[in-house]
Amino acid sequence: MSTIAMLQMKQQLSKMSEKQRQEISAFLHRLKQDSPAWKKEMSRRMAEMDAGKKFKLPKIPARD
């Protein structure tokens, strides 16, 4: 995507209602969860937990 197209998309998003932005955010989150990289990372984390490696909530890294 070109820089201009990205700027236009951001401008359109800024004009949307909060509800519309929430819907776009949910859509983008679903896209991320469907990516092979995300699935691989979640599998890795689950394997660590199954092996007994767990963390307390403050030590869990933030998701993007």
N, C-alpha and C. Protein backbone atom coordinates (compact mmCIF):
# COMPACT_ATOMS: atom_id res chain seq x y z
N MET A 1 0.85 -1.17 0.00
CA MET A 1 0.00 0.00 0.00
C MET A 1 0.90 1.23 0.00
N SER A 2 0.55 2.17 -0.81
CA SER A 2 1.36 3.39 -0.90
C SER A 2 1.16 4.27 0.33
N THR A 3 2.09 5.16 0.52
CA THR A 3 2.01 6.10 1.65
C THR A 3 0.76 6.95 1.55
N ILE A 4 0.43 7.38 0.33
CA ILE A 4 -0.76 8.21 0.14
C ILE A 4 -2.02 7.43 0.46
N ALA A 5 -2.09 6.19 0.00
CA ALA A 5 -3.27 5.36 0.28
C ALA A 5 -3.41 5.14 1.79
N MET A 6 -2.29 4.91 2.46
CA MET A 6 -2.31 4.72 3.91
C MET A 6 -2.81 5.98 4.61
N LEU A 7 -2.34 7.13 4.18
CA LEU A 7 -2.78 8.40 4.76
C LEU A 7 -4.27 8.60 4.54
N GLN A 8 -4.75 8.29 3.34
CA GLN A 8 -6.18 8.42 3.05
C GLN A 8 -7.01 7.49 3.94
N MET A 9 -6.52 6.27 4.14
CA MET A 9 -7.23 5.33 4.99
C MET A 9 -7.29 5.85 6.43
N LYS A 10 -6.18 6.38 6.92
CA LYS A 10 -6.15 6.93 8.28
C LYS A 10 -7.11 8.11 8.42
N GLN A 11 -7.18 8.94 7.39
CA GLN A 11 -8.10 10.07 7.43
C GLN A 11 -9.55 9.58 7.46
N GLN A 12 -9.85 8.56 6.68
CA GLN A 12 -11.21 8.00 6.69
C GLN A 12 -11.54 7.40 8.06
N LEU A 13 -10.58 6.70 8.63
CA LEU A 13 -10.80 6.11 9.95
C LEU A 13 -11.06 7.17 11.01
N SER A 14 -10.36 8.28 10.91
CA SER A 14 -10.52 9.34 11.91
C SER A 14 -11.91 9.99 11.84
N LYS A 15 -12.58 9.84 10.72
CA LYS A 15 -13.92 10.42 10.55
C LYS A 15 -15.04 9.45 10.94
N MET A 16 -14.69 8.21 11.25
CA MET A 16 -15.69 7.21 11.59
C MET A 16 -16.15 7.37 13.04
N SER A 17 -17.32 6.83 13.30
CA SER A 17 -17.83 6.84 14.67
C SER A 17 -17.04 5.85 15.52
N GLU A 18 -17.19 5.97 16.83
CA GLU A 18 -16.51 5.05 17.75
C GLU A 18 -16.92 3.61 17.45
N LYS A 19 -18.19 3.38 17.21
CA LYS A 19 -18.68 2.03 16.92
C LYS A 19 -18.04 1.48 15.65
N GLN A 20 -17.94 2.30 14.62
CA GLN A 20 -17.32 1.86 13.37
C GLN A 20 -15.84 1.52 13.59
N ARG A 21 -15.15 2.35 14.37
CA ARG A 21 -13.74 2.08 14.65
C ARG A 21 -13.57 0.80 15.46
N GLN A 22 -14.50 0.53 16.37
CA GLN A 22 -14.44 -0.71 17.14
C GLN A 22 -14.62 -1.92 16.23
N GLU A 23 -15.52 -1.79 15.26
CA GLU A 23 -15.74 -2.89 14.31
C GLU A 23 -14.49 -3.13 13.46
N ILE A 24 -13.85 -2.05 13.02
CA ILE A 24 -12.61 -2.18 12.23
C ILE A 24 -11.52 -2.81 13.10
N SER A 25 -11.43 -2.39 14.34
CA SER A 25 -10.43 -2.93 15.25
C SER A 25 -10.64 -4.43 15.46
N ALA A 26 -11.89 -4.84 15.66
CA ALA A 26 -12.19 -6.26 15.84
C ALA A 26 -11.84 -7.06 14.58
N PHE A 27 -12.13 -6.50 13.43
CA PHE A 27 -11.79 -7.15 12.16
C PHE A 27 -10.28 -7.33 12.03
N LEU A 28 -9.51 -6.29 12.33
CA LEU A 28 -8.06 -6.38 12.23
C LEU A 28 -7.49 -7.39 13.24
N HIS A 29 -8.09 -7.43 14.41
CA HIS A 29 -7.65 -8.39 15.42
C HIS A 29 -7.89 -9.82 14.93
N ARG A 30 -9.05 -10.07 14.32
CA ARG A 30 -9.34 -11.40 13.77
C ARG A 30 -8.35 -11.76 12.67
N LEU A 31 -8.00 -10.79 11.82
CA LEU A 31 -7.01 -11.05 10.77
C LEU A 31 -5.68 -11.48 11.39
N LYS A 32 -5.28 -10.79 12.44
CA LYS A 32 -4.02 -11.12 13.10
C LYS A 32 -4.06 -12.53 13.67
N GLN A 33 -5.18 -12.88 14.30
CA GLN A 33 -5.30 -14.21 14.91
C GLN A 33 -5.29 -15.32 13.86
N ASP A 34 -5.65 -15.01 12.65
CA ASP A 34 -5.65 -16.01 11.58
C ASP A 34 -4.29 -16.16 10.91
N SER A 35 -3.34 -15.30 11.25
CA SER A 35 -2.04 -15.35 10.58
C SER A 35 -1.22 -16.54 11.09
N PRO A 36 -0.42 -17.14 10.22
CA PRO A 36 0.43 -18.26 10.64
C PRO A 36 1.39 -17.87 11.77
N ALA A 37 1.92 -16.66 11.74
CA ALA A 37 2.85 -16.22 12.79
C ALA A 37 2.16 -16.18 14.15
N TRP A 38 0.93 -15.69 14.19
CA TRP A 38 0.17 -15.61 15.45
C TRP A 38 -0.12 -17.01 15.96
N LYS A 39 -0.55 -17.89 15.07
CA LYS A 39 -0.86 -19.26 15.49
C LYS A 39 0.39 -19.97 16.01
N LYS A 40 1.51 -19.74 15.37
CA LYS A 40 2.77 -20.34 15.81
C LYS A 40 3.15 -19.84 17.20
N GLU A 41 3.02 -18.53 17.41
CA GLU A 41 3.35 -17.95 18.72
C GLU A 41 2.42 -18.48 19.81
N MET A 42 1.14 -18.60 19.51
CA MET A 42 0.20 -19.12 20.51
C MET A 42 0.50 -20.58 20.82
N SER A 43 0.88 -21.35 19.81
CA SER A 43 1.25 -22.75 20.04
C SER A 43 2.48 -22.84 20.93
N ARG A 44 3.45 -21.96 20.70
CA ARG A 44 4.65 -21.93 21.51
C ARG A 44 4.31 -21.61 22.97
N ARG A 45 3.47 -20.61 23.16
CA ARG A 45 3.10 -20.22 24.52
C ARG A 45 2.32 -21.33 25.23
N MET A 46 1.43 -21.99 24.50
CA MET A 46 0.66 -23.08 25.10
C MET A 46 1.58 -24.24 25.49
N ALA A 47 2.56 -24.54 24.64
CA ALA A 47 3.52 -25.61 24.96
C ALA A 47 4.30 -25.26 26.22
N GLU A 48 4.69 -24.01 26.37
CA GLU A 48 5.40 -23.58 27.58
C GLU A 48 4.51 -23.76 28.81
N MET A 49 3.26 -23.38 28.70
CA MET A 49 2.35 -23.53 29.84
C MET A 49 2.13 -25.00 30.16
N ASP A 50 1.97 -25.83 29.12
CA ASP A 50 1.80 -27.27 29.35
C ASP A 50 3.02 -27.87 30.03
N ALA A 51 4.18 -27.29 29.78
CA ALA A 51 5.42 -27.76 30.39
C ALA A 51 5.62 -27.20 31.81
N GLY A 52 4.65 -26.42 32.28
CA GLY A 52 4.72 -25.89 33.63
C GLY A 52 5.30 -24.50 33.74
N LYS A 53 5.64 -23.89 32.63
CA LYS A 53 6.20 -22.54 32.66
C LYS A 53 5.05 -21.54 32.59
N LYS A 54 4.75 -20.97 33.73
CA LYS A 54 3.64 -20.02 33.80
C LYS A 54 4.15 -18.72 34.42
N PHE A 55 3.41 -17.65 34.19
CA PHE A 55 3.79 -16.33 34.68
C PHE A 55 2.64 -15.73 35.46
N LYS A 56 2.99 -14.86 36.39
CA LYS A 56 1.97 -14.05 37.05
C LYS A 56 1.59 -12.93 36.10
N LEU A 57 0.40 -12.43 36.23
CA LEU A 57 -0.14 -11.43 35.31
C LEU A 57 0.78 -10.25 35.05
N PRO A 58 1.41 -9.62 36.06
CA PRO A 58 2.28 -8.46 35.76
C PRO A 58 3.49 -8.80 34.88
N LYS A 59 3.87 -10.06 34.80
CA LYS A 59 5.05 -10.44 34.02
C LYS A 59 4.70 -10.87 32.59
N ILE A 60 3.42 -10.91 32.27
CA ILE A 60 3.02 -11.32 30.93
C ILE A 60 3.23 -10.15 29.98
N PRO A 61 3.94 -10.37 28.86
CA PRO A 61 4.17 -9.27 27.92
C PRO A 61 2.88 -8.81 27.26
N ALA A 62 2.81 -7.54 26.97
CA ALA A 62 1.63 -6.97 26.32
C ALA A 62 1.54 -7.46 24.89
N ARG A 63 0.32 -7.65 24.40
CA ARG A 63 0.10 -8.02 23.00
C ARG A 63 0.04 -6.77 22.16
N ASP A 64 0.38 -6.93 20.92
CA ASP A 64 0.26 -5.81 19.96
C ASP A 64 -1.12 -5.74 19.40
